[in-house]
Amino acid sequence: MNDDSVAVFKALADDVRLGLVRRIAKSQEPRLTCDIIAECSELSALSQPTISHHIGKLVAAGVLTEVKHAQQKSYLLNIRRLEAVGIDPSKI
């Protein structure tokens, strides 16, 4: 297993990050940061900085793709990256 694969698996090994990925994976459209934070804040006691930190870890590992729109960012599941390390995105 190479370092790239390890980074993906480490990012997904955290329950919070896996939950974020599952929420983002449900949508075929990019998810705005504010929508993700609002949804996750309602479901748990996580603060906005904590959720942003976890999203940053997922982006750094290549699990999520980040797209910047003026003052907002949106996120999509990086399907190619997940498939490259042997993860079936439809089963997340």
PDB file of N, CA and C in Angstrom:
ATOM      1  N   MET A   1       0.865  -1.176   0.000  1.00  0.00           N
ATOM      2  CA  MET A   1       0.000   0.000   0.000  1.00  0.00           C
ATOM      3  C   MET A   1       0.906   1.232   0.000  1.00  0.00           C
ATOM      4  N   ASN A   2       0.608   2.180  -0.893  1.00  0.00           N
ATOM      5  CA  ASN A   2       1.439   3.375  -0.965  1.00  0.00           C
ATOM      6  C   ASN A   2       0.940   4.465  -0.024  1.00  0.00           C
ATOM      7  N   ASP A   3       1.734   5.521   0.113  1.00  0.00           N
ATOM      8  CA  ASP A   3       1.400   6.615   1.034  1.00  0.00           C
ATOM      9  C   ASP A   3       0.088   7.302   0.677  1.00  0.00           C
ATOM     10  N   ASP A   4      -0.227   7.391  -0.620  1.00  0.00           N
ATOM     11  CA  ASP A   4      -1.483   8.017  -1.037  1.00  0.00           C
ATOM     12  C   ASP A   4      -2.688   7.233  -0.519  1.00  0.00           C
ATOM     13  N   SER A   5      -2.602   5.930  -0.606  1.00  0.00           N
ATOM     14  CA  SER A   5      -3.695   5.082  -0.107  1.00  0.00           C
ATOM     15  C   SER A   5      -3.840   5.219   1.397  1.00  0.00           C
ATOM     16  N   VAL A   6      -2.724   5.265   2.094  1.00  0.00           N
ATOM     17  CA  VAL A   6      -2.747   5.383   3.546  1.00  0.00           C
ATOM     18  C   VAL A   6      -3.426   6.690   3.957  1.00  0.00           C
ATOM     19  N   ALA A   7      -3.136   7.778   3.243  1.00  0.00           N
ATOM     20  CA  ALA A   7      -3.747   9.077   3.556  1.00  0.00           C
ATOM     21  C   ALA A   7      -5.265   9.016   3.424  1.00  0.00           C
ATOM     22  N   VAL A   8      -5.752   8.356   2.396  1.00  0.00           N
ATOM     23  CA  VAL A   8      -7.195   8.223   2.189  1.00  0.00           C
ATOM     24  C   VAL A   8      -7.816   7.406   3.316  1.00  0.00           C
ATOM     25  N   PHE A   9      -7.220   6.279   3.631  1.00  0.00           N
ATOM     26  CA  PHE A   9      -7.782   5.420   4.677  1.00  0.00           C
ATOM     27  C   PHE A   9      -7.720   6.074   6.053  1.00  0.00           C
ATOM     28  N   LYS A  10      -6.651   6.813   6.327  1.00  0.00           N
ATOM     29  CA  LYS A  10      -6.572   7.536   7.602  1.00  0.00           C
ATOM     30  C   LYS A  10      -7.663   8.591   7.694  1.00  0.00           C
ATOM     31  N   ALA A  11      -7.893   9.293   6.597  1.00  0.00           N
ATOM     32  CA  ALA A  11      -8.936  10.331   6.595  1.00  0.00           C
ATOM     33  C   ALA A  11     -10.309   9.724   6.824  1.00  0.00           C
ATOM     34  N   LEU A  12     -10.569   8.579   6.250  1.00  0.00           N
ATOM     35  CA  LEU A  12     -11.876   7.932   6.377  1.00  0.00           C
ATOM     36  C   LEU A  12     -12.030   7.135   7.668  1.00  0.00           C
ATOM     37  N   ALA A  13     -10.944   6.919   8.390  1.00  0.00           N
ATOM     38  CA  ALA A  13     -11.000   6.142   9.628  1.00  0.00           C
ATOM     39  C   ALA A  13     -11.666   6.896  10.772  1.00  0.00           C
ATOM     40  N   ASP A  14     -11.783   8.205  10.642  1.00  0.00           N
ATOM     41  CA  ASP A  14     -12.422   9.023  11.668  1.00  0.00           C
ATOM     42  C   ASP A  14     -13.935   9.014  11.446  1.00  0.00           C
ATOM     43  N   ASP A  15     -14.697   8.754  12.503  1.00  0.00           N
ATOM     44  CA  ASP A  15     -16.160   8.671  12.394  1.00  0.00           C
ATOM     45  C   ASP A  15     -16.796   9.953  11.871  1.00  0.00           C
ATOM     46  N   VAL A  16     -16.299  11.092  12.330  1.00  0.00           N
ATOM     47  CA  VAL A  16     -16.859  12.375  11.889  1.00  0.00           C
ATOM     48  C   VAL A  16     -16.616  12.570  10.403  1.00  0.00           C
ATOM     49  N   ARG A  17     -15.387  12.324   9.960  1.00  0.00           N
ATOM     50  CA  ARG A  17     -15.067  12.514   8.539  1.00  0.00           C
ATOM     51  C   ARG A  17     -15.830  11.527   7.662  1.00  0.00           C
ATOM     52  N   LEU A  18     -15.959  10.289   8.119  1.00  0.00           N
ATOM     53  CA  LEU A  18     -16.727   9.308   7.343  1.00  0.00           C
ATOM     54  C   LEU A  18     -18.178   9.754   7.228  1.00  0.00           C
ATOM     55  N   GLY A  19     -18.735  10.303   8.304  1.00  0.00           N
ATOM     56  CA  GLY A  19     -20.102  10.817   8.259  1.00  0.00           C
ATOM     57  C   GLY A  19     -20.244  11.974   7.283  1.00  0.00           C
ATOM     58  N   LEU A  20     -19.257  12.861   7.266  1.00  0.00           N
ATOM     59  CA  LEU A  20     -19.284  13.976   6.316  1.00  0.00           C
ATOM     60  C   LEU A  20     -19.245  13.455   4.878  1.00  0.00           C
ATOM     61  N   VAL A  21     -18.382  12.491   4.625  1.00  0.00           N
ATOM     62  CA  VAL A  21     -18.271  11.917   3.281  1.00  0.00           C
ATOM     63  C   VAL A  21     -19.582  11.261   2.870  1.00  0.00           C
ATOM     64  N   ARG A  22     -20.206  10.572   3.780  1.00  0.00           N
ATOM     65  CA  ARG A  22     -21.492   9.929   3.456  1.00  0.00           C
ATOM     66  C   ARG A  22     -22.560  10.961   3.115  1.00  0.00           C
ATOM     67  N   ARG A  23     -22.590  12.076   3.833  1.00  0.00           N
ATOM     68  CA  ARG A  23     -23.571  13.130   3.534  1.00  0.00           C
ATOM     69  C   ARG A  23     -23.299  13.763   2.171  1.00  0.00           C
ATOM     70  N   ILE A  24     -22.036  14.020   1.894  1.00  0.00           N
ATOM     71  CA  ILE A  24     -21.668  14.634   0.613  1.00  0.00           C
ATOM     72  C   ILE A  24     -21.907  13.657  -0.537  1.00  0.00           C
ATOM     73  N   ALA A  25     -21.664  12.379  -0.307  1.00  0.00           N
ATOM     74  CA  ALA A  25     -21.830  11.361  -1.352  1.00  0.00           C
ATOM     75  C   ALA A  25     -23.279  11.199  -1.786  1.00  0.00           C
ATOM     76  N   LYS A  26     -24.223  11.534  -0.928  1.00  0.00           N
ATOM     77  CA  LYS A  26     -25.640  11.403  -1.265  1.00  0.00           C
ATOM     78  C   LYS A  26     -26.069  12.364  -2.369  1.00  0.00           C
ATOM     79  N   SER A  27     -25.321  13.425  -2.567  1.00  0.00           N
ATOM     80  CA  SER A  27     -25.681  14.438  -3.548  1.00  0.00           C
ATOM     81  C   SER A  27     -24.803  14.319  -4.789  1.00  0.00           C
ATOM     82  N   GLN A  28     -25.397  14.441  -5.938  1.00  0.00           N
ATOM     83  CA  GLN A  28     -24.641  14.445  -7.185  1.00  0.00           C
ATOM     84  C   GLN A  28     -24.103  15.835  -7.497  1.00  0.00           C
ATOM     85  N   GLU A  29     -24.634  16.817  -6.811  1.00  0.00           N
ATOM     86  CA  GLU A  29     -24.225  18.209  -7.003  1.00  0.00           C
ATOM     87  C   GLU A  29     -23.214  18.601  -5.931  1.00  0.00           C
ATOM     88  N   PRO A  30     -22.337  19.567  -6.237  1.00  0.00           N
ATOM     89  CA  PRO A  30     -21.410  20.052  -5.207  1.00  0.00           C
ATOM     90  C   PRO A  30     -22.171  20.589  -3.997  1.00  0.00           C
ATOM     91  N   ARG A  31     -21.655  20.345  -2.811  1.00  0.00           N
ATOM     92  CA  ARG A  31     -22.274  20.799  -1.570  1.00  0.00           C
ATOM     93  C   ARG A  31     -21.522  22.009  -1.048  1.00  0.00           C
ATOM     94  N   LEU A  32     -22.225  23.104  -0.805  1.00  0.00           N
ATOM     95  CA  LEU A  32     -21.609  24.310  -0.262  1.00  0.00           C
ATOM     96  C   LEU A  32     -21.209  24.099   1.188  1.00  0.00           C
ATOM     97  N   THR A  33     -20.129  24.742   1.578  1.00  0.00           N
ATOM     98  CA  THR A  33     -19.645  24.639   2.955  1.00  0.00           C
ATOM     99  C   THR A  33     -20.740  24.970   3.956  1.00  0.00           C
ATOM    100  N   CYS A  34     -21.453  26.069   3.722  1.00  0.00           N
ATOM    101  CA  CYS A  34     -22.479  26.482   4.679  1.00  0.00           C
ATOM    102  C   CYS A  34     -23.575  25.434   4.815  1.00  0.00           C
ATOM    103  N   ASP A  35     -23.924  24.752   3.734  1.00  0.00           N
ATOM    104  CA  ASP A  35     -24.942  23.697   3.799  1.00  0.00           C
ATOM    105  C   ASP A  35     -24.446  22.500   4.606  1.00  0.00           C
ATOM    106  N   ILE A  36     -23.195  22.127   4.389  1.00  0.00           N
ATOM    107  CA  ILE A  36     -22.615  21.007   5.123  1.00  0.00           C
ATOM    108  C   ILE A  36     -22.562  21.329   6.611  1.00  0.00           C
ATOM    109  N   ILE A  37     -22.095  22.521   6.932  1.00  0.00           N
ATOM    110  CA  ILE A  37     -21.968  22.924   8.332  1.00  0.00           C
ATOM    111  C   ILE A  37     -23.335  22.999   8.995  1.00  0.00           C
ATOM    112  N   ALA A  38     -24.317  23.567   8.310  1.00  0.00           N
ATOM    113  CA  ALA A  38     -25.661  23.671   8.881  1.00  0.00           C
ATOM    114  C   ALA A  38     -26.247  22.287   9.133  1.00  0.00           C
ATOM    115  N   GLU A  39     -26.105  21.397   8.185  1.00  0.00           N
ATOM    116  CA  GLU A  39     -26.643  20.042   8.320  1.00  0.00           C
ATOM    117  C   GLU A  39     -25.940  19.285   9.442  1.00  0.00           C
ATOM    118  N   CYS A  40     -24.628  19.380   9.494  1.00  0.00           N
ATOM    119  CA  CYS A  40     -23.876  18.629  10.502  1.00  0.00           C
ATOM    120  C   CYS A  40     -24.054  19.225  11.889  1.00  0.00           C
ATOM    121  N   SER A  41     -24.189  20.509  11.978  1.00  0.00           N
ATOM    122  CA  SER A  41     -24.379  21.141  13.278  1.00  0.00           C
ATOM    123  C   SER A  41     -25.715  20.733  13.889  1.00  0.00           C
ATOM    124  N   GLU A  42     -26.713  20.548  13.042  1.00  0.00           N
ATOM    125  CA  GLU A  42     -28.022  20.116  13.534  1.00  0.00           C
ATOM    126  C   GLU A  42     -27.970  18.688  14.064  1.00  0.00           C
ATOM    127  N   LEU A  43     -27.119  17.879  13.491  1.00  0.00           N
ATOM    128  CA  LEU A  43     -27.076  16.464  13.839  1.00  0.00           C
ATOM    129  C   LEU A  43     -26.104  16.142  14.963  1.00  0.00           C
ATOM    130  N   SER A  44     -25.231  17.068  15.287  1.00  0.00           N
ATOM    131  CA  SER A  44     -24.249  16.793  16.332  1.00  0.00           C
ATOM    132  C   SER A  44     -23.846  18.085  17.026  1.00  0.00           C
ATOM    133  N   ALA A  45     -23.012  17.949  17.991  1.00  0.00           N
ATOM    134  CA  ALA A  45     -22.567  19.112  18.765  1.00  0.00           C
ATOM    135  C   ALA A  45     -21.266  19.694  18.224  1.00  0.00           C
ATOM    136  N   LEU A  46     -20.936  19.427  16.982  1.00  0.00           N
ATOM    137  CA  LEU A  46     -19.687  19.925  16.413  1.00  0.00           C
ATOM    138  C   LEU A  46     -19.791  21.400  16.059  1.00  0.00           C
ATOM    139  N   SER A  47     -18.731  22.125  16.326  1.00  0.00           N
ATOM    140  CA  SER A  47     -18.699  23.543  15.980  1.00  0.00           C
ATOM    141  C   SER A  47     -18.289  23.717  14.520  1.00  0.00           C
ATOM    142  N   GLN A  48     -18.529  24.906  13.998  1.00  0.00           N
ATOM    143  CA  GLN A  48     -18.155  25.216  12.613  1.00  0.00           C
ATOM    144  C   GLN A  48     -16.652  25.040  12.387  1.00  0.00           C
ATOM    145  N   PRO A  49     -15.776  25.516  13.288  1.00  0.00           N
ATOM    146  CA  PRO A  49     -14.342  25.303  13.064  1.00  0.00           C
ATOM    147  C   PRO A  49     -13.950  23.820  13.055  1.00  0.00           C
ATOM    148  N   THR A  50     -14.608  23.022  13.873  1.00  0.00           N
ATOM    149  CA  THR A  50     -14.301  21.589  13.907  1.00  0.00           C
ATOM    150  C   THR A  50     -14.709  20.925  12.598  1.00  0.00           C
ATOM    151  N   ILE A  51     -15.877  21.254  12.099  1.00  0.00           N
ATOM    152  CA  ILE A  51     -16.327  20.686  10.827  1.00  0.00           C
ATOM    153  C   ILE A  51     -15.406  21.133   9.695  1.00  0.00           C
ATOM    154  N   SER A  52     -15.026  22.389   9.694  1.00  0.00           N
ATOM    155  CA  SER A  52     -14.102  22.900   8.671  1.00  0.00           C
ATOM    156  C   SER A  52     -12.762  22.174   8.733  1.00  0.00           C
ATOM    157  N   HIS A  53     -12.292  21.901   9.934  1.00  0.00           N
ATOM    158  CA  HIS A  53     -11.044  21.160  10.108  1.00  0.00           C
ATOM    159  C   HIS A  53     -11.152  19.773   9.469  1.00  0.00           C
ATOM    160  N   HIS A  54     -12.245  19.080   9.735  1.00  0.00           N
ATOM    161  CA  HIS A  54     -12.431  17.744   9.180  1.00  0.00           C
ATOM    162  C   HIS A  54     -12.560  17.786   7.658  1.00  0.00           C
ATOM    163  N   ILE A  55     -13.256  18.771   7.135  1.00  0.00           N
ATOM    164  CA  ILE A  55     -13.354  18.919   5.680  1.00  0.00           C
ATOM    165  C   ILE A  55     -11.971  19.159   5.084  1.00  0.00           C
ATOM    166  N   GLY A  56     -11.172  19.974   5.746  1.00  0.00           N
ATOM    167  CA  GLY A  56      -9.800  20.234   5.281  1.00  0.00           C
ATOM    168  C   GLY A  56      -8.960  18.970   5.218  1.00  0.00           C
ATOM    169  N   LYS A  57      -9.116  18.107   6.211  1.00  0.00           N
ATOM    170  CA  LYS A  57      -8.388  16.823   6.216  1.00  0.00           C
ATOM    171  C   LYS A  57      -8.817  15.949   5.036  1.00  0.00           C
ATOM    172  N   LEU A  58     -10.112  15.945   4.730  1.00  0.00           N
ATOM    173  CA  LEU A  58     -10.622  15.149   3.610  1.00  0.00           C
ATOM    174  C   LEU A  58     -10.131  15.688   2.274  1.00  0.00           C
ATOM    175  N   VAL A  59     -10.053  17.002   2.150  1.00  0.00           N
ATOM    176  CA  VAL A  59      -9.527  17.625   0.928  1.00  0.00           C
ATOM    177  C   VAL A  59      -8.041  17.297   0.783  1.00  0.00           C
ATOM    178  N   ALA A  60      -7.288  17.430   1.870  1.00  0.00           N
ATOM    179  CA  ALA A  60      -5.851  17.157   1.835  1.00  0.00           C
ATOM    180  C   ALA A  60      -5.547  15.713   1.440  1.00  0.00           C
ATOM    181  N   ALA A  61      -6.402  14.793   1.855  1.00  0.00           N
ATOM    182  CA  ALA A  61      -6.221  13.380   1.513  1.00  0.00           C
ATOM    183  C   ALA A  61      -6.713  13.052   0.110  1.00  0.00           C
ATOM    184  N   GLY A  62      -7.409  13.999  -0.519  1.00  0.00           N
ATOM    185  CA  GLY A  62      -7.925  13.770  -1.863  1.00  0.00           C
ATOM    186  C   GLY A  62      -9.273  13.081  -1.906  1.00  0.00           C
ATOM    187  N   VAL A  63      -9.908  12.920  -0.760  1.00  0.00           N
ATOM    188  CA  VAL A  63     -11.214  12.270  -0.702  1.00  0.00           C
ATOM    189  C   VAL A  63     -12.290  13.199  -1.262  1.00  0.00           C
ATOM    190  N   LEU A  64     -12.157  14.494  -0.982  1.00  0.00           N
ATOM    191  CA  LEU A  64     -13.084  15.499  -1.497  1.00  0.00           C
ATOM    192  C   LEU A  64     -12.355  16.440  -2.444  1.00  0.00           C
ATOM    193  N   THR A  65     -13.081  16.915  -3.431  1.00  0.00           N
ATOM    194  CA  THR A  65     -12.582  17.944  -4.333  1.00  0.00           C
ATOM    195  C   THR A  65     -13.228  19.262  -3.936  1.00  0.00           C
ATOM    196  N   GLU A  66     -12.400  20.290  -3.780  1.00  0.00           N
ATOM    197  CA  GLU A  66     -12.875  21.610  -3.359  1.00  0.00           C
ATOM    198  C   GLU A  66     -12.933  22.548  -4.558  1.00  0.00           C
ATOM    199  N   VAL A  67     -14.057  23.245  -4.693  1.00  0.00           N
ATOM    200  CA  VAL A  67     -14.228  24.232  -5.761  1.00  0.00           C
ATOM    201  C   VAL A  67     -14.553  25.569  -5.104  1.00  0.00           C
ATOM    202  N   LYS A  68     -13.802  26.606  -5.467  1.00  0.00           N
ATOM    203  CA  LYS A  68     -14.023  27.919  -4.867  1.00  0.00           C
ATOM    204  C   LYS A  68     -14.948  28.752  -5.747  1.00  0.00           C
ATOM    205  N   HIS A  69     -15.906  29.418  -5.100  1.00  0.00           N
ATOM    206  CA  HIS A  69     -16.859  30.300  -5.767  1.00  0.00           C
ATOM    207  C   HIS A  69     -16.854  31.619  -5.004  1.00  0.00           C
ATOM    208  N   ALA A  70     -16.133  32.585  -5.468  1.00  0.00           N
ATOM    209  CA  ALA A  70     -16.055  33.889  -4.805  1.00  0.00           C
ATOM    210  C   ALA A  70     -15.748  33.702  -3.321  1.00  0.00           C
ATOM    211  N   GLN A  71     -16.738  33.874  -2.458  1.00  0.00           N
ATOM    212  CA  GLN A  71     -16.503  33.764  -1.017  1.00  0.00           C
ATOM    213  C   GLN A  71     -16.948  32.428  -0.443  1.00  0.00           C
ATOM    214  N   GLN A  72     -17.414  31.531  -1.262  1.00  0.00           N
ATOM    215  CA  GLN A  72     -17.880  30.217  -0.817  1.00  0.00           C
ATOM    216  C   GLN A  72     -17.018  29.121  -1.427  1.00  0.00           C
ATOM    217  N   LYS A  73     -17.089  27.958  -0.829  1.00  0.00           N
ATOM    218  CA  LYS A  73     -16.455  26.764  -1.373  1.00  0.00           C
ATOM    219  C   LYS A  73     -17.512  25.670  -1.423  1.00  0.00           C
ATOM    220  N   SER A  74     -17.362  24.792  -2.406  1.00  0.00           N
ATOM    221  CA  SER A  74     -18.235  23.631  -2.466  1.00  0.00           C
ATOM    222  C   SER A  74     -17.367  22.386  -2.581  1.00  0.00           C
ATOM    223  N   TYR A  75     -17.972  21.248  -2.270  1.00  0.00           N
ATOM    224  CA  TYR A  75     -17.226  19.995  -2.205  1.00  0.00           C
ATOM    225  C   TYR A  75     -17.979  18.883  -2.908  1.00  0.00           C
ATOM    226  N   LEU A  76     -17.202  18.060  -3.583  1.00  0.00           N
ATOM    227  CA  LEU A  76     -17.706  16.863  -4.253  1.00  0.00           C
ATOM    228  C   LEU A  76     -16.843  15.685  -3.844  1.00  0.00           C
ATOM    229  N   LEU A  77     -17.416  14.521  -3.849  1.00  0.00           N
ATOM    230  CA  LEU A  77     -16.656  13.307  -3.608  1.00  0.00           C
ATOM    231  C   LEU A  77     -15.710  13.087  -4.784  1.00  0.00           C
ATOM    232  N   ASN A  78     -14.456  12.785  -4.504  1.00  0.00           N
ATOM    233  CA  ASN A  78     -13.466  12.522  -5.545  1.00  0.00           C
ATOM    234  C   ASN A  78     -13.532  11.027  -5.877  1.00  0.00           C
ATOM    235  N   ILE A  79     -14.438  10.694  -6.762  1.00  0.00           N
ATOM    236  CA  ILE A  79     -14.715   9.294  -7.093  1.00  0.00           C
ATOM    237  C   ILE A  79     -13.486   8.597  -7.659  1.00  0.00           C
ATOM    238  N   ARG A  80     -12.764   9.259  -8.536  1.00  0.00           N
ATOM    239  CA  ARG A  80     -11.574   8.632  -9.128  1.00  0.00           C
ATOM    240  C   ARG A  80     -10.535   8.275  -8.071  1.00  0.00           C
ATOM    241  N   ARG A  81     -10.357   9.170  -7.132  1.00  0.00           N
ATOM    242  CA  ARG A  81      -9.374   8.942  -6.056  1.00  0.00           C
ATOM    243  C   ARG A  81      -9.781   7.741  -5.203  1.00  0.00           C
ATOM    244  N   LEU A  82     -11.049   7.668  -4.849  1.00  0.00           N
ATOM    245  CA  LEU A  82     -11.519   6.554  -4.041  1.00  0.00           C
ATOM    246  C   LEU A  82     -11.392   5.233  -4.790  1.00  0.00           C
ATOM    247  N   GLU A  83     -11.779   5.236  -6.054  1.00  0.00           N
ATOM    248  CA  GLU A  83     -11.665   4.012  -6.853  1.00  0.00           C
ATOM    249  C   GLU A  83     -10.212   3.594  -7.021  1.00  0.00           C
ATOM    250  N   ALA A  84      -9.303   4.567  -7.111  1.00  0.00           N
ATOM    251  CA  ALA A  84      -7.881   4.259  -7.285  1.00  0.00           C
ATOM    252  C   ALA A  84      -7.287   3.516  -6.082  1.00  0.00           C
ATOM    253  N   VAL A  85      -7.884   3.711  -4.910  1.00  0.00           N
ATOM    254  CA  VAL A  85      -7.392   3.011  -3.715  1.00  0.00           C
ATOM    255  C   VAL A  85      -8.265   1.811  -3.362  1.00  0.00           C
ATOM    256  N   GLY A  86      -9.200   1.459  -4.254  1.00  0.00           N
ATOM    257  CA  GLY A  86     -10.008   0.263  -4.072  1.00  0.00           C
ATOM    258  C   GLY A  86     -11.304   0.444  -3.310  1.00  0.00           C
ATOM    259  N   ILE A  87     -11.785   1.684  -3.201  1.00  0.00           N
ATOM    260  CA  ILE A  87     -13.038   1.944  -2.503  1.00  0.00           C
ATOM    261  C   ILE A  87     -14.135   2.171  -3.527  1.00  0.00           C
ATOM    262  N   ASP A  88     -15.247   1.480  -3.366  1.00  0.00           N
ATOM    263  CA  ASP A  88     -16.400   1.668  -4.235  1.00  0.00           C
ATOM    264  C   ASP A  88     -17.229   2.815  -3.646  1.00  0.00           C
ATOM    265  N   PRO A  89     -17.222   3.981  -4.284  1.00  0.00           N
ATOM    266  CA  PRO A  89     -17.941   5.150  -3.747  1.00  0.00           C
ATOM    267  C   PRO A  89     -19.431   4.916  -3.513  1.00  0.00           C
ATOM    268  N   SER A  90     -20.035   4.020  -4.253  1.00  0.00           N
ATOM    269  CA  SER A  90     -21.464   3.756  -4.082  1.00  0.00           C
ATOM    270  C   SER A  90     -21.756   2.998  -2.783  1.00  0.00           C
ATOM    271  N   LYS A  91     -20.723   2.468  -2.156  1.00  0.00           N
ATOM    272  CA  LYS A  91     -20.910   1.688  -0.924  1.00  0.00           C
ATOM    273  C   LYS A  91     -20.486   2.457   0.329  1.00  0.00           C
ATOM    274  N   ILE A  92     -20.193   3.720   0.169  1.00  0.00           N
ATOM    275  CA  ILE A  92     -19.770   4.522   1.334  1.00  0.00           C
ATOM    276  C   ILE A  92     -20.987   4.851   2.173  1.00  0.00           C
TER     277      ILE A  92
END
